[in-house]
Amino acid sequence: MAINVNTVYQTVLLILNKEQRGYMTPLEFNKIGAQTQSEIFGTYFESLNQQLRVPQANADYSDRVVNLDEKIAIFKDYGNATSVSSSNVFNLPNQYSGTSSATQQFTAVDPQLTYTLTGDALSLSNNNAISDVFVNDVELASTEYSVSGATLTLVNQPTAGQIIIINLYPKQFYRLGQVLYQVGALDTEEAQRVDRGELYHLLSSNLTKPTTVNPIYTYENNQLTVYPTSIVSGLAVSYIRKPIPPIWSFTSGSQYVFQPTSSCNFELHISEQVELIVRILLYAGVVIKNQEIIQVAASQIQQENINQKS
């Protein structure tokens, strides 16, 4: 449930140009859009912490904690942690350091529902990337295709000769959730997070030493160190990933022409569309040095914040 990047850009341009206040180029919009999306995303966690401390309305659609969790749920993920040299030190999942995105194009064959990824697209796919797929410039819903390893599989047969485009984007780790340990037929155990001070005392006593039934871990330098040291595999983590930066892609000539197949929508919940546009307008007012836009947008943002937290 993404927010269409073209809808946001066209709305921003309409408001800016209604009285000839100024113009925002696609490159400016992409940078400001990414910054704004990150700001809105970053507010979720402090807002959730605040809302957990106050009573909530027990009514459908009105529970603020539930609504915030729904917005955060878009970025919840789960993956396996990888042991470093078969030790009890683990790297976090999906820490892909290659290309920032990849695109691959196919020509549809009838009958054929599967297509093989290669190059950067394959590298990203193997690292559990986020993907979107277009058939003849029409974006498919996530239920209409699947990506696994080197294979893109479509649910419905496209017409022969139609162009299939897949875009892939790497996941970036943001915040750690649960750390789970499970090997073979054993029950899954949740590891307890400790700091260095606690670790020394826990390891020094036979009564508090960690076991495979009660494992513990420290989290430093983006790595997990798990105890007991016999744990060298079977570790998985839940985590929050960062949103993918939006891209309003275009071809240039006498004017900018939107290219949906190489664009990337905002990943925020659809309910954030108004705030997203207002915040972008706030930055736009700074760019074009229009105090009226800055004041109106800032006032609107302040009022929204009051309404959401009061």
C-alpha atoms as a PDB file:
ATOM      1  CA  MET A   1       0.000   0.000   0.000  1.00  0.00           C
ATOM      2  CA  ALA A   2       2.355   2.674  -1.278  1.00  0.00           C
ATOM      3  CA  ILE A   3       1.836   6.346  -2.088  1.00  0.00           C
ATOM      4  CA  ASN A   4       2.176   7.026  -5.798  1.00  0.00           C
ATOM      5  CA  VAL A   5       5.239   9.198  -6.391  1.00  0.00           C
ATOM      6  CA  ASN A   6       3.736  10.828  -9.493  1.00  0.00           C
ATOM      7  CA  THR A   7       0.538  11.809  -7.650  1.00  0.00           C
ATOM      8  CA  VAL A   8       2.579  13.514  -4.923  1.00  0.00           C
ATOM      9  CA  TYR A   9       4.846  15.344  -7.377  1.00  0.00           C
ATOM     10  CA  GLN A  10       1.969  16.585  -9.540  1.00  0.00           C
ATOM     11  CA  THR A  11       0.088  17.805  -6.448  1.00  0.00           C
ATOM     12  CA  VAL A  12       3.159  19.680  -5.205  1.00  0.00           C
ATOM     13  CA  LEU A  13       3.656  21.286  -8.628  1.00  0.00           C
ATOM     14  CA  LEU A  14      -0.015  22.261  -8.811  1.00  0.00           C
ATOM     15  CA  ILE A  15       0.126  24.049  -5.464  1.00  0.00           C
ATOM     16  CA  LEU A  16       3.434  25.759  -6.218  1.00  0.00           C
ATOM     17  CA  ASN A  17       2.424  26.929  -9.675  1.00  0.00           C
ATOM     18  CA  LYS A  18      -1.163  27.945  -8.935  1.00  0.00           C
ATOM     19  CA  GLU A  19      -0.061  31.510  -8.308  1.00  0.00           C
ATOM     20  CA  GLN A  20       3.312  31.265 -10.057  1.00  0.00           C
ATOM     21  CA  ARG A  21       5.137  30.861  -6.745  1.00  0.00           C
ATOM     22  CA  GLY A  22       7.925  28.710  -8.159  1.00  0.00           C
ATOM     23  CA  TYR A  23       8.889  25.307  -9.510  1.00  0.00           C
ATOM     24  CA  MET A  24      10.524  22.163  -8.152  1.00  0.00           C
ATOM     25  CA  THR A  25      12.637  20.073 -10.535  1.00  0.00           C
ATOM     26  CA  PRO A  26      12.430  16.245 -10.460  1.00  0.00           C
ATOM     27  CA  LEU A  27      15.922  16.035  -8.961  1.00  0.00           C
ATOM     28  CA  GLU A  28      14.978  18.458  -6.183  1.00  0.00           C
ATOM     29  CA  PHE A  29      11.754  16.548  -5.597  1.00  0.00           C
ATOM     30  CA  ASN A  30      13.560  13.205  -5.327  1.00  0.00           C
ATOM     31  CA  LYS A  31      16.000  14.518  -2.727  1.00  0.00           C
ATOM     32  CA  ILE A  32      13.351  16.362  -0.722  1.00  0.00           C
ATOM     33  CA  GLY A  33      10.968  13.406  -1.020  1.00  0.00           C
ATOM     34  CA  ALA A  34      13.549  11.001   0.395  1.00  0.00           C
ATOM     35  CA  GLN A  35      14.309  13.381   3.280  1.00  0.00           C
ATOM     36  CA  THR A  36      10.616  13.881   4.047  1.00  0.00           C
ATOM     37  CA  GLN A  37       9.852  10.165   3.944  1.00  0.00           C
ATOM     38  CA  SER A  38      12.719   9.494   6.364  1.00  0.00           C
ATOM     39  CA  GLU A  39      11.450  12.194   8.741  1.00  0.00           C
ATOM     40  CA  ILE A  40       7.912  10.802   8.822  1.00  0.00           C
ATOM     41  CA  PHE A  41       9.246   7.255   9.228  1.00  0.00           C
ATOM     42  CA  GLY A  42      11.471   8.377  12.110  1.00  0.00           C
ATOM     43  CA  THR A  43       8.557   9.889  14.050  1.00  0.00           C
ATOM     44  CA  TYR A  44       6.737   6.554  14.308  1.00  0.00           C
ATOM     45  CA  PHE A  45       8.863   5.127  17.088  1.00  0.00           C
ATOM     46  CA  GLU A  46       8.749   8.081  19.488  1.00  0.00           C
ATOM     47  CA  SER A  47       5.033   8.457  18.786  1.00  0.00           C
ATOM     48  CA  LEU A  48       4.457   4.773  19.529  1.00  0.00           C
ATOM     49  CA  ASN A  49       6.415   5.061  22.768  1.00  0.00           C
ATOM     50  CA  GLN A  50       4.299   8.048  23.783  1.00  0.00           C
ATOM     51  CA  GLN A  51       0.981   6.412  22.889  1.00  0.00           C
ATOM     52  CA  LEU A  52       1.824   3.276  24.885  1.00  0.00           C
ATOM     53  CA  ARG A  53       1.850   5.440  28.022  1.00  0.00           C
ATOM     54  CA  VAL A  54      -1.700   6.787  27.602  1.00  0.00           C
ATOM     55  CA  PRO A  55      -5.136   5.064  27.506  1.00  0.00           C
ATOM     56  CA  GLN A  56      -6.376   4.160  24.035  1.00  0.00           C
ATOM     57  CA  ALA A  57      -9.868   4.270  22.554  1.00  0.00           C
ATOM     58  CA  ASN A  58     -11.253   0.752  22.417  1.00  0.00           C
ATOM     59  CA  ALA A  59     -13.008   1.229  19.096  1.00  0.00           C
ATOM     60  CA  ASP A  60     -12.453   0.027  15.560  1.00  0.00           C
ATOM     61  CA  TYR A  61      -9.990   2.162  13.569  1.00  0.00           C
ATOM     62  CA  SER A  62      -9.422   4.582  16.486  1.00  0.00           C
ATOM     63  CA  ASP A  63      -6.715   2.853  18.530  1.00  0.00           C
ATOM     64  CA  ARG A  64      -3.603   4.987  17.953  1.00  0.00           C
ATOM     65  CA  VAL A  65      -1.201   2.229  18.996  1.00  0.00           C
ATOM     66  CA  VAL A  66      -2.761  -0.169  16.491  1.00  0.00           C
ATOM     67  CA  ASN A  67      -2.764   2.473  13.766  1.00  0.00           C
ATOM     68  CA  LEU A  68       0.903   3.321  14.360  1.00  0.00           C
ATOM     69  CA  ASP A  69       1.837  -0.354  14.358  1.00  0.00           C
ATOM     70  CA  GLU A  70       0.050  -0.706  11.014  1.00  0.00           C
ATOM     71  CA  LYS A  71       2.260   2.049   9.579  1.00  0.00           C
ATOM     72  CA  ILE A  72       5.411   0.452  10.999  1.00  0.00           C
ATOM     73  CA  ALA A  73       4.352  -3.028   9.802  1.00  0.00           C
ATOM     74  CA  ILE A  74       5.269  -2.070   6.230  1.00  0.00           C
ATOM     75  CA  PHE A  75       8.917  -2.089   7.310  1.00  0.00           C
ATOM     76  CA  LYS A  76       8.921  -5.160   9.552  1.00  0.00           C
ATOM     77  CA  ASP A  77      11.112  -7.977   8.297  1.00  0.00           C
ATOM     78  CA  TYR A  78      12.663 -11.255   9.355  1.00  0.00           C
ATOM     79  CA  GLY A  79      15.856 -12.987   8.299  1.00  0.00           C
ATOM     80  CA  ASN A  80      18.667 -15.323   9.267  1.00  0.00           C
ATOM     81  CA  ALA A  81      21.809 -13.997  10.943  1.00  0.00           C
ATOM     82  CA  THR A  82      25.057 -15.394   9.524  1.00  0.00           C
ATOM     83  CA  SER A  83      27.846 -16.733  11.706  1.00  0.00           C
ATOM     84  CA  VAL A  84      31.281 -15.167  11.185  1.00  0.00           C
ATOM     85  CA  SER A  85      33.817 -17.966  10.604  1.00  0.00           C
ATOM     86  CA  SER A  86      31.618 -20.521  12.448  1.00  0.00           C
ATOM     87  CA  SER A  87      31.855 -18.512  15.686  1.00  0.00           C
ATOM     88  CA  ASN A  88      29.272 -17.167  18.117  1.00  0.00           C
ATOM     89  CA  VAL A  89      29.509 -13.756  16.388  1.00  0.00           C
ATOM     90  CA  PHE A  90      26.763 -13.150  13.813  1.00  0.00           C
ATOM     91  CA  ASN A  91      26.223 -10.599  11.082  1.00  0.00           C
ATOM     92  CA  LEU A  92      22.758  -9.093  10.701  1.00  0.00           C
ATOM     93  CA  PRO A  93      20.674 -10.265   7.730  1.00  0.00           C
ATOM     94  CA  ASN A  94      20.443  -8.514   4.372  1.00  0.00           C
ATOM     95  CA  GLN A  95      23.431  -6.204   4.800  1.00  0.00           C
ATOM     96  CA  TYR A  96      23.890  -5.901   1.045  1.00  0.00           C
ATOM     97  CA  SER A  97      26.793  -3.671   0.025  1.00  0.00           C
ATOM     98  CA  GLY A  98      26.511  -3.887  -3.766  1.00  0.00           C
ATOM     99  CA  THR A  99      24.538  -1.778  -6.217  1.00  0.00           C
ATOM    100  CA  SER A 100      21.831   0.512  -4.815  1.00  0.00           C
ATOM    101  CA  SER A 101      19.235  -0.870  -7.259  1.00  0.00           C
ATOM    102  CA  ALA A 102      18.967  -3.073 -10.318  1.00  0.00           C
ATOM    103  CA  THR A 103      16.653  -3.397 -13.316  1.00  0.00           C
ATOM    104  CA  GLN A 104      16.219  -6.272 -15.751  1.00  0.00           C
ATOM    105  CA  GLN A 105      13.989  -6.438 -18.815  1.00  0.00           C
ATOM    106  CA  PHE A 106      12.429  -9.465 -20.501  1.00  0.00           C
ATOM    107  CA  THR A 107      10.259 -10.001 -23.552  1.00  0.00           C
ATOM    108  CA  ALA A 108       7.242 -12.143 -22.699  1.00  0.00           C
ATOM    109  CA  VAL A 109       7.019 -15.584 -24.267  1.00  0.00           C
ATOM    110  CA  ASP A 110       3.736 -17.492 -24.538  1.00  0.00           C
ATOM    111  CA  PRO A 111       3.574 -19.903 -22.786  1.00  0.00           C
ATOM    112  CA  GLN A 112       6.140 -18.902 -20.146  1.00  0.00           C
ATOM    113  CA  LEU A 113       5.570 -17.664 -16.608  1.00  0.00           C
ATOM    114  CA  THR A 114       9.151 -17.882 -15.279  1.00  0.00           C
ATOM    115  CA  TYR A 115      12.088 -15.651 -16.186  1.00  0.00           C
ATOM    116  CA  THR A 116      15.704 -15.927 -15.020  1.00  0.00           C
ATOM    117  CA  LEU A 117      17.474 -13.045 -13.277  1.00  0.00           C
ATOM    118  CA  THR A 118      21.146 -12.343 -13.960  1.00  0.00           C
ATOM    119  CA  GLY A 119      23.857  -9.844 -12.970  1.00  0.00           C
ATOM    120  CA  ASP A 120      23.004  -7.189 -10.378  1.00  0.00           C
ATOM    121  CA  ALA A 121      19.339  -8.225 -10.375  1.00  0.00           C
ATOM    122  CA  LEU A 122      20.344 -11.743  -9.363  1.00  0.00           C
ATOM    123  CA  SER A 123      22.707 -10.444  -6.665  1.00  0.00           C
ATOM    124  CA  LEU A 124      19.959  -8.334  -5.143  1.00  0.00           C
ATOM    125  CA  SER A 125      17.386 -11.118  -5.397  1.00  0.00           C
ATOM    126  CA  ASN A 126      19.715 -13.485  -3.551  1.00  0.00           C
ATOM    127  CA  ASN A 127      19.876 -10.904  -0.752  1.00  0.00           C
ATOM    128  CA  ASN A 128      16.091 -10.853  -0.286  1.00  0.00           C
ATOM    129  CA  ALA A 129      15.526  -7.504  -1.986  1.00  0.00           C
ATOM    130  CA  ILE A 130      12.331  -5.493  -2.424  1.00  0.00           C
ATOM    131  CA  SER A 131      10.955  -5.688  -5.956  1.00  0.00           C
ATOM    132  CA  ASP A 132       8.349  -4.219  -8.269  1.00  0.00           C
ATOM    133  CA  VAL A 133       7.329  -5.616 -11.643  1.00  0.00           C
ATOM    134  CA  PHE A 134       5.761  -3.958 -14.694  1.00  0.00           C
ATOM    135  CA  VAL A 135       4.169  -5.579 -17.752  1.00  0.00           C
ATOM    136  CA  ASN A 136       3.830  -3.109 -20.637  1.00  0.00           C
ATOM    137  CA  ASP A 137       4.216  -0.162 -18.208  1.00  0.00           C
ATOM    138  CA  VAL A 138       1.465  -1.452 -15.885  1.00  0.00           C
ATOM    139  CA  GLU A 139       2.652  -2.264 -12.355  1.00  0.00           C
ATOM    140  CA  LEU A 140       1.652  -5.673 -11.038  1.00  0.00           C
ATOM    141  CA  ALA A 141       0.298  -6.191  -7.541  1.00  0.00           C
ATOM    142  CA  SER A 142       2.588  -8.122  -5.196  1.00  0.00           C
ATOM    143  CA  THR A 143       0.151 -11.058  -5.409  1.00  0.00           C
ATOM    144  CA  GLU A 144       0.628 -11.283  -9.177  1.00  0.00           C
ATOM    145  CA  TYR A 145       4.271 -12.375  -9.093  1.00  0.00           C
ATOM    146  CA  SER A 146       6.965 -13.853  -6.873  1.00  0.00           C
ATOM    147  CA  VAL A 147      10.749 -13.622  -6.828  1.00  0.00           C
ATOM    148  CA  SER A 148      12.898 -16.417  -5.443  1.00  0.00           C
ATOM    149  CA  GLY A 149      16.632 -16.574  -6.036  1.00  0.00           C
ATOM    150  CA  ALA A 150      17.226 -16.406  -9.778  1.00  0.00           C
ATOM    151  CA  THR A 151      13.585 -16.793 -10.764  1.00  0.00           C
ATOM    152  CA  LEU A 152      10.816 -14.284 -11.403  1.00  0.00           C
ATOM    153  CA  THR A 153       7.480 -16.102 -11.590  1.00  0.00           C
ATOM    154  CA  LEU A 154       4.306 -14.453 -12.909  1.00  0.00           C
ATOM    155  CA  VAL A 155       0.847 -15.643 -11.881  1.00  0.00           C
ATOM    156  CA  ASN A 156      -0.878 -14.704 -15.139  1.00  0.00           C
ATOM    157  CA  GLN A 157       0.404 -15.349 -18.639  1.00  0.00           C
ATOM    158  CA  PRO A 158       1.388 -12.104 -20.412  1.00  0.00           C
ATOM    159  CA  THR A 159       0.809 -11.671 -24.112  1.00  0.00           C
ATOM    160  CA  ALA A 160       3.752 -12.729 -26.253  1.00  0.00           C
ATOM    161  CA  GLY A 161       6.026  -9.793 -27.029  1.00  0.00           C
ATOM    162  CA  GLN A 162       4.982  -7.672 -24.055  1.00  0.00           C
ATOM    163  CA  ILE A 163       7.848  -6.079 -22.108  1.00  0.00           C
ATOM    164  CA  ILE A 164       8.404  -7.265 -18.546  1.00  0.00           C
ATOM    165  CA  ILE A 165      10.533  -5.059 -16.280  1.00  0.00           C
ATOM    166  CA  ILE A 166      11.611  -5.915 -12.750  1.00  0.00           C
ATOM    167  CA  ASN A 167      13.212  -3.382 -10.402  1.00  0.00           C
ATOM    168  CA  LEU A 168      14.982  -4.541  -7.243  1.00  0.00           C
ATOM    169  CA  TYR A 169      16.107  -2.503  -4.233  1.00  0.00           C
ATOM    170  CA  PRO A 170      18.253  -3.688  -1.302  1.00  0.00           C
ATOM    171  CA  LYS A 171      16.875  -3.782   2.223  1.00  0.00           C
ATOM    172  CA  GLN A 172      18.728  -1.653   4.754  1.00  0.00           C
ATOM    173  CA  PHE A 173      18.697  -2.535   8.438  1.00  0.00           C
ATOM    174  CA  TYR A 174      17.277   0.095  10.821  1.00  0.00           C
ATOM    175  CA  ARG A 175      16.387  -1.346  14.241  1.00  0.00           C
ATOM    176  CA  LEU A 176      16.736  -4.736  15.869  1.00  0.00           C
ATOM    177  CA  GLY A 177      13.726  -6.596  17.233  1.00  0.00           C
ATOM    178  CA  GLN A 178      13.724 -10.156  18.572  1.00  0.00           C
ATOM    179  CA  VAL A 179      16.659 -12.552  18.334  1.00  0.00           C
ATOM    180  CA  LEU A 180      15.557 -16.190  18.068  1.00  0.00           C
ATOM    181  CA  TYR A 181      17.566 -19.408  18.312  1.00  0.00           C
ATOM    182  CA  GLN A 182      16.394 -22.720  16.915  1.00  0.00           C
ATOM    183  CA  VAL A 183      18.301 -25.837  15.822  1.00  0.00           C
ATOM    184  CA  GLY A 184      16.883 -29.144  14.627  1.00  0.00           C
ATOM    185  CA  ALA A 185      13.785 -30.341  16.470  1.00  0.00           C
ATOM    186  CA  LEU A 186      14.425 -28.120  19.498  1.00  0.00           C
ATOM    187  CA  ASP A 187      11.935 -25.451  20.513  1.00  0.00           C
ATOM    188  CA  THR A 188      12.590 -21.902  19.384  1.00  0.00           C
ATOM    189  CA  GLU A 189      14.106 -19.798  22.164  1.00  0.00           C
ATOM    190  CA  GLU A 190      14.246 -16.004  22.372  1.00  0.00           C
ATOM    191  CA  ALA A 191      17.685 -14.697  23.308  1.00  0.00           C
ATOM    192  CA  GLN A 192      17.887 -11.968  25.946  1.00  0.00           C
ATOM    193  CA  ARG A 193      19.806  -8.799  25.148  1.00  0.00           C
ATOM    194  CA  VAL A 194      22.402  -7.742  27.742  1.00  0.00           C
ATOM    195  CA  ASP A 195      25.119  -5.106  27.937  1.00  0.00           C
ATOM    196  CA  ARG A 196      28.795  -5.718  28.724  1.00  0.00           C
ATOM    197  CA  GLY A 197      28.360  -5.031  32.432  1.00  0.00           C
ATOM    198  CA  GLU A 198      25.591  -7.614  32.769  1.00  0.00           C
ATOM    199  CA  LEU A 199      27.474 -10.095  30.584  1.00  0.00           C
ATOM    200  CA  TYR A 200      30.447 -10.298  32.960  1.00  0.00           C
ATOM    201  CA  HIS A 201      28.270 -11.081  35.959  1.00  0.00           C
ATOM    202  CA  LEU A 202      26.076 -13.577  34.079  1.00  0.00           C
ATOM    203  CA  LEU A 203      29.052 -15.535  32.761  1.00  0.00           C
ATOM    204  CA  SER A 204      30.873 -15.604  36.108  1.00  0.00           C
ATOM    205  CA  SER A 205      28.206 -17.567  37.990  1.00  0.00           C
ATOM    206  CA  ASN A 206      27.119 -21.165  37.407  1.00  0.00           C
ATOM    207  CA  LEU A 207      23.582 -20.186  38.377  1.00  0.00           C
ATOM    208  CA  THR A 208      23.240 -17.479  35.732  1.00  0.00           C
ATOM    209  CA  LYS A 209      25.379 -18.844  32.904  1.00  0.00           C
ATOM    210  CA  PRO A 210      23.474 -18.809  29.604  1.00  0.00           C
ATOM    211  CA  THR A 211      22.403 -22.089  28.023  1.00  0.00           C
ATOM    212  CA  THR A 212      20.900 -23.075  24.680  1.00  0.00           C
ATOM    213  CA  VAL A 213      17.517 -22.950  26.432  1.00  0.00           C
ATOM    214  CA  ASN A 214      18.216 -19.478  27.864  1.00  0.00           C
ATOM    215  CA  PRO A 215      20.650 -17.790  25.445  1.00  0.00           C
ATOM    216  CA  ILE A 216      21.812 -14.193  25.726  1.00  0.00           C
ATOM    217  CA  TYR A 217      23.531 -11.792  23.333  1.00  0.00           C
ATOM    218  CA  THR A 218      25.264  -8.440  23.086  1.00  0.00           C
ATOM    219  CA  TYR A 219      24.697  -6.086  20.166  1.00  0.00           C
ATOM    220  CA  GLU A 220      27.714  -4.003  19.139  1.00  0.00           C
ATOM    221  CA  ASN A 221      29.099  -2.719  15.832  1.00  0.00           C
ATOM    222  CA  ASN A 222      26.108  -4.151  13.947  1.00  0.00           C
ATOM    223  CA  GLN A 223      26.993  -7.656  15.092  1.00  0.00           C
ATOM    224  CA  LEU A 224      25.426 -10.065  17.568  1.00  0.00           C
ATOM    225  CA  THR A 225      27.648 -12.001  19.974  1.00  0.00           C
ATOM    226  CA  VAL A 226      25.678 -14.935  21.348  1.00  0.00           C
ATOM    227  CA  TYR A 227      26.226 -16.990  24.484  1.00  0.00           C
ATOM    228  CA  PRO A 228      26.809 -19.830  25.167  1.00  0.00           C
ATOM    229  CA  THR A 229      29.606 -19.827  22.618  1.00  0.00           C
ATOM    230  CA  SER A 230      28.440 -23.228  21.350  1.00  0.00           C
ATOM    231  CA  ILE A 231      25.737 -21.399  19.369  1.00  0.00           C
ATOM    232  CA  VAL A 232      27.252 -20.992  15.895  1.00  0.00           C
ATOM    233  CA  SER A 233      24.122 -21.397  13.741  1.00  0.00           C
ATOM    234  CA  GLY A 234      20.332 -21.334  13.885  1.00  0.00           C
ATOM    235  CA  LEU A 235      20.005 -17.629  14.692  1.00  0.00           C
ATOM    236  CA  ALA A 236      17.269 -15.464  13.177  1.00  0.00           C
ATOM    237  CA  VAL A 237      16.166 -11.901  13.900  1.00  0.00           C
ATOM    238  CA  SER A 238      13.121  -9.737  13.425  1.00  0.00           C
ATOM    239  CA  TYR A 239      13.970  -6.151  12.531  1.00  0.00           C
ATOM    240  CA  ILE A 240      12.787  -2.882  11.045  1.00  0.00           C
ATOM    241  CA  ARG A 241      14.258  -1.912   7.695  1.00  0.00           C
ATOM    242  CA  LYS A 242      14.619   1.573   6.251  1.00  0.00           C
ATOM    243  CA  PRO A 243      12.165   2.802   3.590  1.00  0.00           C
ATOM    244  CA  ILE A 244      13.366   2.758  -0.003  1.00  0.00           C
ATOM    245  CA  PRO A 245      14.008   6.336  -1.253  1.00  0.00           C
ATOM    246  CA  PRO A 246      11.331   7.498  -3.735  1.00  0.00           C
ATOM    247  CA  ILE A 247      12.296   8.170  -7.343  1.00  0.00           C
ATOM    248  CA  TRP A 248      10.318  10.226  -9.861  1.00  0.00           C
ATOM    249  CA  SER A 249      12.036   8.999 -13.006  1.00  0.00           C
ATOM    250  CA  PHE A 250      11.725  10.845 -16.288  1.00  0.00           C
ATOM    251  CA  THR A 251      12.907  11.350 -19.825  1.00  0.00           C
ATOM    252  CA  SER A 252      13.834  14.905 -20.736  1.00  0.00           C
ATOM    253  CA  GLY A 253      13.219  16.850 -23.908  1.00  0.00           C
ATOM    254  CA  SER A 254      11.053  19.909 -24.274  1.00  0.00           C
ATOM    255  CA  GLN A 255       9.535  18.813 -20.934  1.00  0.00           C
ATOM    256  CA  TYR A 256       9.938  16.152 -18.260  1.00  0.00           C
ATOM    257  CA  VAL A 257       7.979  12.963 -19.063  1.00  0.00           C
ATOM    258  CA  PHE A 258       7.238  10.579 -16.190  1.00  0.00           C
ATOM    259  CA  GLN A 259       8.619   7.037 -16.543  1.00  0.00           C
ATOM    260  CA  PRO A 260       6.714   4.704 -14.195  1.00  0.00           C
ATOM    261  CA  THR A 261       8.820   1.595 -14.897  1.00  0.00           C
ATOM    262  CA  SER A 262      12.004   3.176 -13.526  1.00  0.00           C
ATOM    263  CA  SER A 263      10.317   5.112 -10.708  1.00  0.00           C
ATOM    264  CA  CYS A 264       9.907   4.093  -7.072  1.00  0.00           C
ATOM    265  CA  ASN A 265       6.836   5.034  -5.015  1.00  0.00           C
ATOM    266  CA  PHE A 266       6.860   6.302  -1.450  1.00  0.00           C
ATOM    267  CA  GLU A 267       6.649   3.324   0.907  1.00  0.00           C
ATOM    268  CA  LEU A 268       4.663   5.132   3.577  1.00  0.00           C
ATOM    269  CA  HIS A 269       1.116   4.123   4.524  1.00  0.00           C
ATOM    270  CA  ILE A 270      -1.500   5.723   2.276  1.00  0.00           C
ATOM    271  CA  SER A 271      -2.848   7.696   5.260  1.00  0.00           C
ATOM    272  CA  GLU A 272       0.385   9.719   5.257  1.00  0.00           C
ATOM    273  CA  GLN A 273      -0.177  11.240   1.804  1.00  0.00           C
ATOM    274  CA  VAL A 274      -1.459  14.613   3.041  1.00  0.00           C
ATOM    275  CA  GLU A 275       1.325  15.048   5.599  1.00  0.00           C
ATOM    276  CA  LEU A 276       3.874  13.960   3.021  1.00  0.00           C
ATOM    277  CA  ILE A 277       2.745  16.631   0.573  1.00  0.00           C
ATOM    278  CA  VAL A 278       2.615  19.332   3.248  1.00  0.00           C
ATOM    279  CA  ARG A 279       6.136  18.523   4.473  1.00  0.00           C
ATOM    280  CA  ILE A 280       7.499  18.554   0.914  1.00  0.00           C
ATOM    281  CA  LEU A 281       5.858  21.951   0.399  1.00  0.00           C
ATOM    282  CA  LEU A 282       7.601  23.185   3.544  1.00  0.00           C
ATOM    283  CA  TYR A 283      10.974  22.310   2.006  1.00  0.00           C
ATOM    284  CA  ALA A 284       9.833  23.702  -1.340  1.00  0.00           C
ATOM    285  CA  GLY A 285       9.147  27.028   0.330  1.00  0.00           C
ATOM    286  CA  VAL A 286      12.731  27.073   1.580  1.00  0.00           C
ATOM    287  CA  VAL A 287      14.081  26.181  -1.881  1.00  0.00           C
ATOM    288  CA  ILE A 288      12.125  28.906  -3.681  1.00  0.00           C
ATOM    289  CA  LYS A 289      12.387  31.319  -0.707  1.00  0.00           C
ATOM    290  CA  ASN A 290       8.623  31.758  -0.294  1.00  0.00           C
ATOM    291  CA  GLN A 291       7.747  32.635   3.307  1.00  0.00           C
ATOM    292  CA  GLU A 292       4.001  32.196   2.765  1.00  0.00           C
ATOM    293  CA  ILE A 293       4.382  28.541   1.808  1.00  0.00           C
ATOM    294  CA  ILE A 294       6.787  27.942   4.705  1.00  0.00           C
ATOM    295  CA  GLN A 295       4.388  29.474   7.254  1.00  0.00           C
ATOM    296  CA  VAL A 296       1.279  27.678   5.989  1.00  0.00           C
ATOM    297  CA  ALA A 297       3.023  24.292   5.748  1.00  0.00           C
ATOM    298  CA  ALA A 298       4.715  24.648   9.158  1.00  0.00           C
ATOM    299  CA  SER A 299       1.401  25.608  10.762  1.00  0.00           C
ATOM    300  CA  GLN A 300      -0.340  22.611   9.214  1.00  0.00           C
ATOM    301  CA  ILE A 301       2.387  20.211  10.383  1.00  0.00           C
ATOM    302  CA  GLN A 302       2.259  21.629  13.914  1.00  0.00           C
ATOM    303  CA  GLN A 303      -1.534  21.223  14.029  1.00  0.00           C
ATOM    304  CA  GLU A 304      -1.288  17.621  12.794  1.00  0.00           C
ATOM    305  CA  ASN A 305       1.269  16.830  15.470  1.00  0.00           C
ATOM    306  CA  ILE A 306      -0.978  18.284  18.172  1.00  0.00           C
ATOM    307  CA  ASN A 307      -3.970  16.311  16.923  1.00  0.00           C
ATOM    308  CA  GLN A 308      -2.018  13.036  16.789  1.00  0.00           C
ATOM    309  CA  LYS A 309      -0.445  13.326  20.248  1.00  0.00           C
ATOM    310  CA  SER A 310      -3.105  15.044  22.350  1.00  0.00           C
END
